Amino acid sequence: MDAFTAGLVQRIRATESDLTRARETGDEFLVEVEQSELDDLRRLASEHGVQVELGGARV
């Protein structure tokens, strides 16, 4: 796994964790922010051939 892919996978996992935490605390604004970030990261992964599954990335 190259550095770009590893970094992207790490960012996706961290953002998924942050999104879960935001949902658990009921912070609707933060949920929207984290969901947007996750959508952007998944789009970036797709554009670079990194396969992503819900709950993590498959490399």
C-alpha atoms as a PDB file:
ATOM      1  CA  MET A   1       0.000   0.000   0.000  1.00  0.00           C
ATOM      2  CA  ASP A   2       1.451   3.344  -0.986  1.00  0.00           C
ATOM      3  CA  ALA A   3       1.495   6.412   1.262  1.00  0.00           C
ATOM      4  CA  PHE A   4      -1.427   8.093  -0.529  1.00  0.00           C
ATOM      5  CA  THR A   5      -3.671   5.044  -0.135  1.00  0.00           C
ATOM      6  CA  ALA A   6      -2.650   4.496   3.480  1.00  0.00           C
ATOM      7  CA  GLY A   7      -3.314   8.143   4.313  1.00  0.00           C
ATOM      8  CA  LEU A   8      -6.666   8.077   2.576  1.00  0.00           C
ATOM      9  CA  VAL A   9      -7.714   4.895   4.380  1.00  0.00           C
ATOM     10  CA  GLN A  10      -6.649   6.437   7.691  1.00  0.00           C
ATOM     11  CA  ARG A  11      -8.631   9.628   7.004  1.00  0.00           C
ATOM     12  CA  ILE A  12     -11.731   7.628   6.019  1.00  0.00           C
ATOM     13  CA  ARG A  13     -11.597   5.550   9.192  1.00  0.00           C
ATOM     14  CA  ALA A  14     -11.061   8.620  11.382  1.00  0.00           C
ATOM     15  CA  THR A  15     -13.923  10.468   9.710  1.00  0.00           C
ATOM     16  CA  GLU A  16     -16.228   7.464  10.112  1.00  0.00           C
ATOM     17  CA  SER A  17     -15.351   7.394  13.808  1.00  0.00           C
ATOM     18  CA  ASP A  18     -15.981  11.133  14.155  1.00  0.00           C
ATOM     19  CA  LEU A  19     -19.309  10.756  12.348  1.00  0.00           C
ATOM     20  CA  THR A  20     -20.385   7.974  14.692  1.00  0.00           C
ATOM     21  CA  ARG A  21     -19.456  10.082  17.706  1.00  0.00           C
ATOM     22  CA  ALA A  22     -21.376  13.084  16.335  1.00  0.00           C
ATOM     23  CA  ARG A  23     -24.459  10.925  15.812  1.00  0.00           C
ATOM     24  CA  GLU A  24     -24.183   9.477  19.317  1.00  0.00           C
ATOM     25  CA  THR A  25     -24.009  12.940  20.882  1.00  0.00           C
ATOM     26  CA  GLY A  26     -26.840  14.292  18.748  1.00  0.00           C
ATOM     27  CA  ASP A  27     -24.763  17.068  17.190  1.00  0.00           C
ATOM     28  CA  GLU A  28     -26.664  17.468  13.925  1.00  0.00           C
ATOM     29  CA  PHE A  29     -24.378  20.176  12.549  1.00  0.00           C
ATOM     30  CA  LEU A  30     -21.282  18.064  13.139  1.00  0.00           C
ATOM     31  CA  VAL A  31     -23.049  15.063  11.593  1.00  0.00           C
ATOM     32  CA  GLU A  32     -23.548  17.084   8.407  1.00  0.00           C
ATOM     33  CA  VAL A  33     -19.931  18.268   8.403  1.00  0.00           C
ATOM     34  CA  GLU A  34     -18.498  14.792   8.961  1.00  0.00           C
ATOM     35  CA  GLN A  35     -20.845  13.209   6.412  1.00  0.00           C
ATOM     36  CA  SER A  36     -19.766  15.754   3.796  1.00  0.00           C
ATOM     37  CA  GLU A  37     -16.115  15.060   4.580  1.00  0.00           C
ATOM     38  CA  LEU A  38     -16.703  11.323   4.311  1.00  0.00           C
ATOM     39  CA  ASP A  39     -18.504  11.733   0.983  1.00  0.00           C
ATOM     40  CA  ASP A  40     -15.569  13.775  -0.345  1.00  0.00           C
ATOM     41  CA  LEU A  41     -13.032  11.210   0.836  1.00  0.00           C
ATOM     42  CA  ARG A  42     -14.988   8.360  -0.752  1.00  0.00           C
ATOM     43  CA  ARG A  43     -15.211  10.311  -4.022  1.00  0.00           C
ATOM     44  CA  LEU A  44     -11.457  10.898  -3.910  1.00  0.00           C
ATOM     45  CA  ALA A  45     -10.861   7.210  -3.230  1.00  0.00           C
ATOM     46  CA  SER A  46     -13.053   6.254  -6.168  1.00  0.00           C
ATOM     47  CA  GLU A  47     -11.234   8.647  -8.486  1.00  0.00           C
ATOM     48  CA  HIS A  48      -7.933   6.998  -7.549  1.00  0.00           C
ATOM     49  CA  GLY A  49      -9.080   3.391  -7.689  1.00  0.00           C
ATOM     50  CA  VAL A  50      -9.191   2.795  -3.917  1.00  0.00           C
ATOM     51  CA  GLN A  51     -12.181   0.576  -3.181  1.00  0.00           C
ATOM     52  CA  VAL A  52     -14.105   1.706  -0.108  1.00  0.00           C
ATOM     53  CA  GLU A  53     -16.752  -0.150   1.851  1.00  0.00           C
ATOM     54  CA  LEU A  54     -19.018   1.144   4.593  1.00  0.00           C
ATOM     55  CA  GLY A  55     -17.174   0.910   7.864  1.00  0.00           C
ATOM     56  CA  GLY A  56     -13.701   1.048   6.363  1.00  0.00           C
ATOM     57  CA  ALA A  57     -11.651   0.846   3.249  1.00  0.00           C
ATOM     58  CA  ARG A  58     -10.790  -2.218   1.240  1.00  0.00           C
ATOM     59  CA  VAL A  59      -7.478  -1.842  -0.526  1.00  0.00           C
END
